[in-house]
């Protein structure tokens, strides 16, 4: 219905959201169990995968859920964007189309009707895919589906929505240089992924080239069934969904989409340090570090995941608690087809903080963690992850992301047994394989920083 529904969570460091994780305030849990393992198996056994008129579909029916969530994943994303078109075109297309209604209803009527039904329709783009999403009460599914698919079949590119969105994006780009946190992340992306399909960062020159004809062309390129993966979770049968698809998006052209092979960026294989001044004096220095990590579905994924939990805890405890060098040092991941680990913190004492981080790296590379310690804490961590896929919208998003990025929707749901069974040898191998080739961006006063130290790992 608007450009802000449903809520989007950023999973990378770019200024604009690039990887879609959809949540909704009114999505409801569709299944529950006192046993996490039983819950995971129940989800997997309920999922169906099939094709309808050339549209690839993954669905999970839950008669207990009053909400239906549907997400059309459109494969390709920014990594597939034509080099002669602005990198912002797909971002603009997803936002403007889903805010404009469709050619069969006026924008004002569309918005009033959506508010009355409590339904939401939204869109966004990402590195590996874009997506259009819909969530509605079961009783409003027919009308909501018509509006949702009407955008795909009969898109409207409202000039007011386009102009307003263009202004807001330009304001966001102009504000980068006034926010050191955003600036450091954007610069890290452009440096680490230089020459890689993930490395194109939208700028004012891209936005200046945007026009409604550009968006219309991009949308035609996107609306082909060879790009589609439709994920639906909620109280709807396979037969009903099949009929809905056949009467709507099943009529779109097949297309000839072929995935682009992706390899890690060149920077992933050697350390690097990039000291960047900022236009105005800063009271601290902003540090962003990237390093290559395994993606979901990789054989190293669960050993690295357990390692990251330990490593992140060590970094926080040693930098924040023991030495009080930074308020919120953080170790996280940005999961895509090519995934990276991220280390972020703000401190005036760059060398001291980096020494601590590298000491923690040495600890995990040179020592074995006892098995009982590896298992401790897994249950609580698993519980939090299971809670993150309790709603229809979250399950549809997880299924689609896994299918697009790993080739198998079964990688969508956290496997407690695999994490709990990680061995000390596996954890040590993961530390030696992935905690290396750190690339750092330091923003602020860069005098006196030991570049050789930053480059040493």
Protein backbone atom coordinates (compact mmCIF):
# COMPACT_ATOMS: atom_id res chain seq x y z
CA UNK A 1 0.00 0.00 0.00
CA UNK A 2 2.85 2.36 0.74
CA UNK A 3 6.60 2.50 0.41
CA UNK A 4 7.09 1.69 4.07
CA UNK A 5 5.04 -1.51 4.36
CA UNK A 6 5.99 -4.15 5.27
CA UNK A 7 8.92 -3.33 7.54
CA UNK A 8 12.31 -4.12 6.03
CA UNK A 9 15.34 -5.20 8.00
CA UNK A 10 18.76 -4.36 6.55
CA UNK A 11 21.14 -7.30 6.34
CA UNK A 12 23.99 -5.47 4.72
CA UNK A 13 25.71 -2.18 5.32
CA UNK A 14 24.42 -0.11 2.44
CA UNK A 15 22.53 3.09 3.06
CA UNK A 16 19.41 1.75 1.31
CA UNK A 17 17.91 -1.65 2.20
CA UNK A 18 19.20 -4.30 -0.22
CA UNK A 19 18.18 -7.65 1.12
CA UNK A 20 14.54 -8.27 1.80
CA UNK A 21 13.46 -9.74 5.14
CA UNK A 22 9.76 -9.12 5.50
CA UNK A 23 7.86 -8.83 8.74
CA UNK A 24 4.37 -7.55 9.49
CA UNK A 25 2.81 -6.37 12.72
CA UNK A 26 -0.27 -8.47 12.17
CA UNK A 27 1.25 -11.71 10.83
CA UNK A 28 0.44 -14.52 13.24
CA UNK A 29 2.15 -17.74 14.22
CA UNK A 30 1.01 -20.63 12.11
CA UNK A 31 2.46 -23.47 14.13
CA UNK A 32 4.00 -24.13 17.51
CA UNK A 33 5.57 -26.90 19.55
CA UNK A 34 7.29 -27.35 22.86
CA UNK A 35 10.12 -29.16 21.06
CA UNK A 36 12.28 -27.07 18.74
CA UNK A 37 13.34 -30.12 16.71
CA UNK A 38 9.73 -31.25 16.33
CA UNK A 39 8.74 -27.73 15.29
CA UNK A 40 11.41 -27.65 12.58
CA UNK A 41 10.35 -31.03 11.20
CA UNK A 42 6.69 -29.95 11.22
CA UNK A 43 7.49 -26.89 9.09
CA UNK A 44 9.51 -28.94 6.61
CA UNK A 45 6.86 -31.65 6.29
CA UNK A 46 4.13 -29.07 5.63
CA UNK A 47 5.94 -27.26 2.81
CA UNK A 48 4.91 -28.01 -0.79
CA UNK A 49 6.88 -27.12 -3.92
CA UNK A 50 5.32 -27.15 -7.38
CA UNK A 51 4.95 -25.28 -10.68
CA UNK A 52 1.83 -23.55 -11.99
CA UNK A 53 1.82 -22.35 -15.60
CA UNK A 54 5.59 -21.91 -15.44
CA UNK A 55 5.59 -20.13 -12.04
CA UNK A 56 7.74 -21.82 -9.39
CA UNK A 57 5.74 -21.98 -6.12
CA UNK A 58 6.65 -22.82 -2.53
CA UNK A 59 3.72 -22.84 -0.11
CA UNK A 60 2.84 -23.86 3.41
CA UNK A 61 -0.82 -24.19 4.27
CA UNK A 62 -1.91 -23.46 7.82
CA UNK A 63 -5.63 -23.57 8.49
CA UNK A 64 -5.03 -22.07 11.92
CA UNK A 65 -3.58 -18.83 10.57
CA UNK A 66 -6.05 -16.00 9.81
CA UNK A 67 -3.37 -14.22 7.75
CA UNK A 68 -2.08 -15.10 4.29
CA UNK A 69 1.39 -13.87 3.31
CA UNK A 70 2.58 -13.97 -0.30
CA UNK A 71 5.99 -12.86 -1.59
CA UNK A 72 6.95 -12.86 -5.25
CA UNK A 73 10.74 -13.16 -5.36
CA UNK A 74 12.19 -11.86 -8.63
CA UNK A 75 15.59 -13.42 -9.21
CA UNK A 76 18.56 -11.37 -10.29
CA UNK A 77 18.60 -8.20 -8.23
CA UNK A 78 21.39 -5.66 -8.46
CA UNK A 79 23.95 -8.32 -9.40
CA UNK A 80 22.01 -8.85 -12.65
CA UNK A 81 21.42 -5.18 -13.48
CA UNK A 82 22.50 -4.08 -16.99
CA UNK A 83 25.67 -2.01 -16.81
CA UNK A 84 24.27 0.64 -19.15
CA UNK A 85 21.29 1.35 -16.86
CA UNK A 86 21.36 3.21 -13.54
CA UNK A 87 21.87 0.83 -10.62
CA UNK A 88 18.95 2.54 -8.87
CA UNK A 89 16.40 1.50 -11.56
CA UNK A 90 15.21 -1.69 -9.86
CA UNK A 91 15.01 0.02 -6.48
CA UNK A 92 12.86 2.79 -7.96
CA UNK A 93 10.74 0.30 -9.90
CA UNK A 94 9.84 -1.81 -6.86
CA UNK A 95 8.99 1.22 -4.74
CA UNK A 96 7.04 3.24 -7.29
CA UNK A 97 5.01 0.34 -8.71
CA UNK A 98 3.84 -0.88 -5.30
CA UNK A 99 2.90 2.64 -4.23
CA UNK A 100 0.92 3.48 -7.39
CA UNK A 101 -1.87 0.90 -7.36
CA UNK A 102 -2.66 -0.40 -10.84
CA UNK A 103 -4.27 0.82 -14.04
CA UNK A 104 -7.66 -0.67 -13.19
CA UNK A 105 -8.25 1.33 -10.00
CA UNK A 106 -7.42 4.88 -8.97
CA UNK A 107 -4.59 5.34 -6.50
CA UNK A 108 -6.91 7.02 -3.98
CA UNK A 109 -9.46 4.18 -4.11
CA UNK A 110 -6.72 1.57 -3.90
CA UNK A 111 -5.26 3.16 -0.78
CA UNK A 112 -8.63 3.60 0.98
CA UNK A 113 -9.56 0.01 0.25
CA UNK A 114 -6.25 -1.35 1.50
CA UNK A 115 -6.55 0.60 4.74
CA UNK A 116 -10.09 -0.65 5.32
CA UNK A 117 -9.04 -4.26 4.76
CA UNK A 118 -5.89 -3.94 6.86
CA UNK A 119 -3.89 -5.39 3.98
CA UNK A 120 -0.37 -4.38 2.98
CA UNK A 121 1.55 -4.50 -0.28
CA UNK A 122 5.19 -3.50 -0.59
CA UNK A 123 8.33 -3.97 -2.62
CA UNK A 124 12.08 -3.63 -2.45
CA UNK A 125 15.23 -4.68 -4.25
CA UNK A 126 18.34 -6.56 -3.18
CA UNK A 127 21.68 -7.84 -4.37
CA UNK A 128 20.38 -11.27 -5.41
CA UNK A 129 16.66 -10.68 -5.87
CA UNK A 130 13.87 -8.15 -5.66
CA UNK A 131 10.47 -8.86 -4.15
CA UNK A 132 6.86 -7.77 -4.09
CA UNK A 133 4.95 -8.79 -0.97
CA UNK A 134 1.37 -8.95 0.21
CA UNK A 135 -0.19 -9.72 3.60
CA UNK A 136 -3.89 -9.79 4.33
CA UNK A 137 -6.58 -11.39 6.43
CA UNK A 138 -7.92 -14.58 4.89
CA UNK A 139 -11.37 -13.01 4.41
CA UNK A 140 -9.80 -10.26 2.27
CA UNK A 141 -7.55 -12.53 0.22
CA UNK A 142 -9.49 -12.36 -3.07
CA UNK A 143 -9.48 -8.56 -3.28
CA UNK A 144 -5.92 -8.21 -1.96
CA UNK A 145 -4.65 -10.79 -4.45
CA UNK A 146 -6.37 -8.94 -7.31
CA UNK A 147 -4.65 -5.71 -6.30
CA UNK A 148 -1.33 -7.49 -5.78
CA UNK A 149 -1.26 -9.26 -9.13
CA UNK A 150 -2.90 -6.27 -10.84
CA UNK A 151 0.34 -4.36 -10.16
CA UNK A 152 2.24 -7.03 -12.08
CA UNK A 153 -0.19 -7.31 -14.97
CA UNK A 154 -1.28 -3.67 -15.27
CA UNK A 155 1.32 -1.55 -13.46
CA UNK A 156 0.75 2.14 -12.87
CA UNK A 157 3.72 4.48 -12.61
CA UNK A 158 2.23 7.41 -10.79
CA UNK A 159 4.28 10.55 -11.58
CA UNK A 160 3.63 12.06 -8.15
CA UNK A 161 4.95 8.94 -6.42
CA UNK A 162 7.94 8.92 -8.74
CA UNK A 163 8.82 12.58 -8.14
CA UNK A 164 8.39 12.33 -4.37
CA UNK A 165 10.48 9.18 -4.16
CA UNK A 166 13.19 10.67 -6.34
CA UNK A 167 13.46 13.67 -4.02
CA UNK A 168 13.64 11.47 -0.92
CA UNK A 169 16.39 9.30 -2.41
CA UNK A 170 18.44 12.35 -3.36
CA UNK A 171 18.11 13.68 0.17
CA UNK A 172 19.33 10.35 1.50
CA UNK A 173 22.34 10.33 -0.79
CA UNK A 174 23.18 13.94 0.06
CA UNK A 175 23.08 13.08 3.77
CA UNK A 176 25.74 10.36 3.51
CA UNK A 177 28.59 12.79 3.99
CA UNK A 178 27.02 14.18 7.16
CA UNK A 179 26.69 10.78 8.85
CA UNK A 180 30.05 9.14 9.52
CA UNK A 181 28.43 5.79 10.37
CA UNK A 182 26.62 5.61 7.02
CA UNK A 183 29.61 7.02 5.13
CA UNK A 184 31.99 4.39 6.53
CA UNK A 185 29.65 1.53 5.57
CA UNK A 186 29.05 2.83 2.04
CA UNK A 187 32.78 3.31 1.49
CA UNK A 188 33.51 -0.17 2.81
CA UNK A 189 31.04 -1.66 0.34
CA UNK A 190 32.46 0.25 -2.62
CA UNK A 191 36.03 -0.71 -1.74
CA UNK A 192 35.55 -4.35 -0.75
CA UNK A 193 33.29 -5.15 -3.72
CA UNK A 194 35.12 -3.03 -6.29
CA UNK A 195 34.69 -4.63 -9.72
CA UNK A 196 32.17 -7.14 -8.34
CA UNK A 197 28.42 -7.23 -9.18
CA UNK A 198 27.74 -6.27 -5.53
CA UNK A 199 29.99 -3.23 -5.84
CA UNK A 200 27.76 -0.76 -7.68
CA UNK A 201 26.58 1.95 -5.27
CA UNK A 202 23.82 4.29 -6.36
CA UNK A 203 24.75 7.95 -6.48
CA UNK A 204 23.26 11.24 -7.63
CA UNK A 205 24.28 10.58 -11.24
CA UNK A 206 22.18 7.39 -11.21
CA UNK A 207 19.19 9.23 -9.79
CA UNK A 208 19.47 11.98 -12.40
CA UNK A 209 19.04 9.35 -15.13
CA UNK A 210 15.86 7.91 -13.63
CA UNK A 211 12.59 8.44 -15.47
CA UNK A 212 9.26 6.68 -15.75
CA UNK A 213 10.20 5.18 -19.18
CA UNK A 214 13.36 3.71 -17.57
CA UNK A 215 11.23 2.16 -14.83
CA UNK A 216 8.70 0.81 -17.30
CA UNK A 217 11.45 -0.91 -19.28
CA UNK A 218 12.98 -2.42 -16.17
CA UNK A 219 9.61 -3.68 -14.96
CA UNK A 220 8.94 -5.41 -18.29
CA UNK A 221 12.32 -7.13 -17.96
CA UNK A 222 11.49 -8.24 -14.42
CA UNK A 223 7.98 -9.55 -15.08
CA UNK A 224 8.93 -12.88 -16.70
CA UNK A 225 8.17 -16.24 -15.16
CA UNK A 226 11.71 -17.57 -15.47
CA UNK A 227 12.64 -15.05 -12.74
CA UNK A 228 9.72 -15.84 -10.43
CA UNK A 229 9.56 -17.69 -7.14
CA UNK A 230 6.23 -17.28 -5.36
CA UNK A 231 6.20 -18.12 -1.65
CA UNK A 232 2.82 -18.30 0.12
CA UNK A 233 2.15 -19.17 3.76
CA UNK A 234 -1.28 -19.15 5.39
CA UNK A 235 -4.79 -20.50 5.21
CA UNK A 236 -5.05 -21.27 1.51
CA UNK A 237 -5.18 -24.59 -0.34
CA UNK A 238 -2.96 -25.66 -3.22
CA UNK A 239 -6.00 -25.88 -5.49
CA UNK A 240 -7.17 -22.34 -4.72
CA UNK A 241 -3.68 -20.90 -5.13
CA UNK A 242 -3.22 -22.76 -8.41
CA UNK A 243 -6.42 -21.27 -9.80
CA UNK A 244 -5.38 -17.78 -8.68
CA UNK A 245 -1.98 -18.07 -10.37
CA UNK A 246 -3.40 -19.45 -13.62
CA UNK A 247 -5.80 -16.52 -13.88
CA UNK A 248 -3.15 -13.88 -13.18
CA UNK A 249 0.65 -14.04 -13.21
CA UNK A 250 0.60 -17.40 -14.99
CA UNK A 251 -0.31 -15.42 -18.11
CA UNK A 252 2.93 -13.39 -18.09
CA UNK A 253 5.70 -14.24 -20.59
CA UNK A 254 8.20 -17.00 -19.83
CA UNK A 255 11.40 -15.01 -20.42
CA UNK A 256 14.91 -16.44 -20.52
CA UNK A 257 16.53 -15.52 -17.20
CA UNK A 258 19.80 -17.33 -16.43
CA UNK A 259 21.55 -16.78 -13.06
CA UNK A 260 24.86 -14.93 -13.10
CA UNK A 261 27.72 -16.98 -11.60
CA UNK A 262 29.20 -15.17 -8.62
CA UNK A 263 32.65 -15.51 -7.12
CA UNK A 264 34.08 -13.72 -4.06
CA UNK A 265 35.51 -10.24 -4.67
CA UNK A 266 39.27 -9.88 -5.12
CA UNK A 267 39.58 -8.08 -1.75
CA UNK A 268 38.40 -11.25 0.03
CA UNK A 269 41.79 -12.90 -0.56
CA UNK A 270 44.14 -10.31 0.92
CA UNK A 271 44.06 -7.92 3.90
CA UNK A 272 43.63 -4.20 3.37
CA UNK A 273 43.43 -0.92 5.26
CA UNK A 274 41.77 2.25 3.97
CA UNK A 275 42.09 5.42 6.05
CA UNK A 276 39.51 7.99 4.99
CA UNK A 277 39.21 11.59 6.21
CA UNK A 278 35.80 13.06 7.01
CA UNK A 279 34.58 16.53 5.92
CA UNK A 280 34.26 17.71 9.53
CA UNK A 281 36.07 16.92 12.81
CA UNK A 282 34.75 13.84 14.64
CA UNK A 283 35.01 13.05 18.36
CA UNK A 284 35.86 9.42 17.56
CA UNK A 285 36.89 7.16 14.70
CA UNK A 286 34.53 4.87 12.83
CA UNK A 287 35.78 1.37 12.08
CA UNK A 288 34.23 -1.12 9.66
CA UNK A 289 35.85 -4.48 8.89
CA UNK A 290 34.85 -7.10 6.28
CA UNK A 291 35.98 -10.70 5.87
CA UNK A 292 34.67 -13.60 3.77
CA UNK A 293 32.30 -16.08 5.46
CA UNK A 294 30.38 -19.19 4.35
CA UNK A 295 26.83 -18.75 3.09
CA UNK A 296 23.76 -20.62 4.28
CA UNK A 297 23.84 -24.17 2.94
CA UNK A 298 27.65 -24.34 2.90
CA UNK A 299 29.18 -27.28 4.82
CA UNK A 300 31.07 -24.75 7.00
CA UNK A 301 27.97 -22.71 7.80
CA UNK A 302 27.11 -24.16 11.22
CA UNK A 303 30.72 -24.39 12.49
CA UNK A 304 31.25 -20.77 11.48
CA UNK A 305 27.92 -19.75 13.02
CA UNK A 306 28.97 -21.19 16.37
CA UNK A 307 32.39 -19.58 16.00
CA UNK A 308 30.81 -16.21 15.30
CA UNK A 309 28.80 -16.44 18.52
CA UNK A 310 31.99 -17.06 20.53
CA UNK A 311 34.10 -14.54 18.62
CA UNK A 312 31.49 -11.80 18.85
CA UNK A 313 31.11 -12.36 22.57
CA UNK A 314 34.87 -12.18 23.09
CA UNK A 315 35.20 -8.97 21.06
CA UNK A 316 32.37 -7.29 22.97
CA UNK A 317 33.59 -8.41 26.37
CA UNK A 318 37.22 -7.46 25.82
CA UNK A 319 36.68 -4.13 24.04
CA UNK A 320 33.59 -2.87 25.87
CA UNK A 321 33.50 -4.55 29.28
CA UNK A 322 37.16 -5.07 30.16
CA UNK A 323 38.82 -2.11 28.42
CA UNK A 324 35.95 0.35 27.77
CA UNK A 325 37.36 1.30 24.37
CA UNK A 326 34.00 1.37 22.54
CA UNK A 327 30.34 1.41 23.50
CA UNK A 328 28.92 -1.21 21.14
CA UNK A 329 31.49 -3.27 19.20
CA UNK A 330 29.64 -5.76 17.02
CA UNK A 331 30.46 -8.88 15.00
CA UNK A 332 27.76 -9.87 12.52
CA UNK A 333 27.18 -11.30 9.04
CA UNK A 334 25.74 -10.02 5.81
CA UNK A 335 24.27 -13.11 4.19
CA UNK A 336 23.96 -13.20 0.41
CA UNK A 337 25.10 -15.58 -2.31
CA UNK A 338 28.53 -14.21 -1.38
CA UNK A 339 28.47 -13.61 2.38
CA UNK A 340 30.75 -11.44 4.47
CA UNK A 341 31.39 -11.05 8.17
CA UNK A 342 31.31 -7.53 9.55
CA UNK A 343 33.03 -5.92 12.52
CA UNK A 344 31.87 -2.43 13.49
CA UNK A 345 32.81 -0.12 16.34
CA UNK A 346 33.56 3.51 17.11
CA UNK A 347 36.59 4.38 19.23
CA UNK A 348 39.39 6.97 19.47
CA UNK A 349 41.81 4.09 20.15
CA UNK A 350 41.99 2.23 16.84
CA UNK A 351 45.29 0.40 17.38
CA UNK A 352 44.33 -0.84 20.84
CA UNK A 353 40.96 -2.13 19.60
CA UNK A 354 42.50 -3.89 16.59
CA UNK A 355 45.16 -5.50 18.82
CA UNK A 356 42.35 -6.94 20.99
CA UNK A 357 40.43 -8.22 17.97
CA UNK A 358 43.53 -9.93 16.57
CA UNK A 359 44.32 -11.44 19.99
CA UNK A 360 40.83 -12.95 19.98
CA UNK A 361 41.43 -14.27 16.47
CA UNK A 362 44.66 -15.91 17.71
CA UNK A 363 42.83 -17.51 20.60
CA UNK A 364 40.33 -19.32 18.39
CA UNK A 365 42.91 -20.26 15.77
CA UNK A 366 45.38 -21.68 18.28
CA UNK A 367 43.09 -23.32 20.82
CA UNK A 368 40.37 -25.95 20.96
CA UNK A 369 37.12 -25.08 22.77
CA UNK A 370 35.81 -27.88 24.96
CA UNK A 371 32.73 -29.63 23.64
CA UNK A 372 30.56 -28.82 26.66
CA UNK A 373 31.24 -25.09 26.15
CA UNK A 374 30.26 -25.35 22.49
CA UNK A 375 26.91 -26.86 23.43
CA UNK A 376 26.24 -24.36 26.21
CA UNK A 377 24.06 -21.50 25.07
CA UNK A 378 22.88 -23.22 21.89
CA UNK A 379 19.39 -23.82 23.27
CA UNK A 380 18.78 -20.14 24.09
CA UNK A 381 20.21 -18.98 20.80
CA UNK A 382 18.10 -21.54 18.93
CA UNK A 383 14.95 -20.43 20.74
CA UNK A 384 15.47 -16.84 19.60
CA UNK A 385 15.94 -18.02 16.01
CA UNK A 386 12.83 -20.19 16.05
CA UNK A 387 10.83 -17.24 17.34
CA UNK A 388 12.01 -15.22 14.33
CA UNK A 389 10.11 -17.53 11.95
CA UNK A 390 6.85 -17.79 13.87
CA UNK A 391 4.74 -15.62 11.57
CA UNK A 392 3.41 -16.32 8.10
CA UNK A 393 5.36 -13.40 6.61
CA UNK A 394 8.64 -14.45 8.21
CA UNK A 395 8.24 -18.03 7.03
CA UNK A 396 7.45 -16.97 3.46
CA UNK A 397 10.50 -14.68 3.47
CA UNK A 398 12.79 -17.38 4.90
CA UNK A 399 11.63 -19.99 2.37
CA UNK A 400 12.18 -17.66 -0.57
CA UNK A 401 15.57 -16.35 0.52
CA UNK A 402 16.89 -19.86 1.05
CA UNK A 403 15.57 -21.09 -2.30
CA UNK A 404 17.03 -18.14 -4.24
CA UNK A 405 20.39 -17.88 -2.46
CA UNK A 406 21.15 -21.56 -1.75
CA UNK A 407 18.98 -23.41 -4.26
CA UNK A 408 17.07 -25.28 -1.53
CA UNK A 409 14.23 -23.94 0.61
CA UNK A 410 15.13 -26.54 3.29
CA UNK A 411 18.00 -24.27 4.31
CA UNK A 412 15.43 -21.71 5.46
CA UNK A 413 14.99 -23.01 8.97
CA UNK A 414 17.63 -23.19 11.65
CA UNK A 415 18.80 -26.73 12.45
CA UNK A 416 19.35 -27.10 16.17
CA UNK A 417 20.98 -30.53 15.87
CA UNK A 418 23.62 -29.30 13.40
CA UNK A 419 24.61 -26.36 15.57
CA UNK A 420 24.65 -28.39 18.77
CA UNK A 421 26.83 -31.08 17.19
CA UNK A 422 29.61 -28.73 16.01
CA UNK A 423 32.93 -30.13 17.24
CA UNK A 424 35.94 -28.29 18.63
CA UNK A 425 37.98 -29.33 15.57
CA UNK A 426 35.33 -27.92 13.21
CA UNK A 427 35.24 -24.67 15.13
CA UNK A 428 39.04 -24.38 15.05
CA UNK A 429 39.14 -25.09 11.30
CA UNK A 430 36.51 -22.42 10.72
CA UNK A 431 38.58 -19.91 12.71
CA UNK A 432 41.67 -20.59 10.60
CA UNK A 433 39.73 -20.58 7.33
CA UNK A 434 37.55 -17.49 7.79
CA UNK A 435 39.08 -15.19 10.44
CA UNK A 436 41.62 -13.82 8.01
CA UNK A 437 42.09 -11.32 5.18
CA UNK A 438 40.38 -8.54 7.11
CA UNK A 439 39.71 -5.37 5.15
CA UNK A 440 39.29 -2.24 7.26
CA UNK A 441 37.89 1.21 6.62
CA UNK A 442 38.72 3.86 9.23
CA UNK A 443 36.88 7.18 9.00
CA UNK A 444 37.90 10.25 10.97
CA UNK A 445 41.26 11.59 12.13
CA UNK A 446 43.61 9.01 10.63
CA UNK A 447 46.89 10.38 12.00
CA UNK A 448 48.96 8.01 14.09
CA UNK A 449 47.09 4.83 13.08
CA UNK A 450 49.31 1.78 12.55
CA UNK A 451 48.46 0.77 8.97
CA UNK A 452 50.88 -2.18 9.14
CA UNK A 453 48.89 -3.60 12.07
CA UNK A 454 45.62 -3.33 10.13
CA UNK A 455 47.23 -4.99 7.10
CA UNK A 456 48.78 -7.84 9.12
CA UNK A 457 45.79 -10.22 9.01
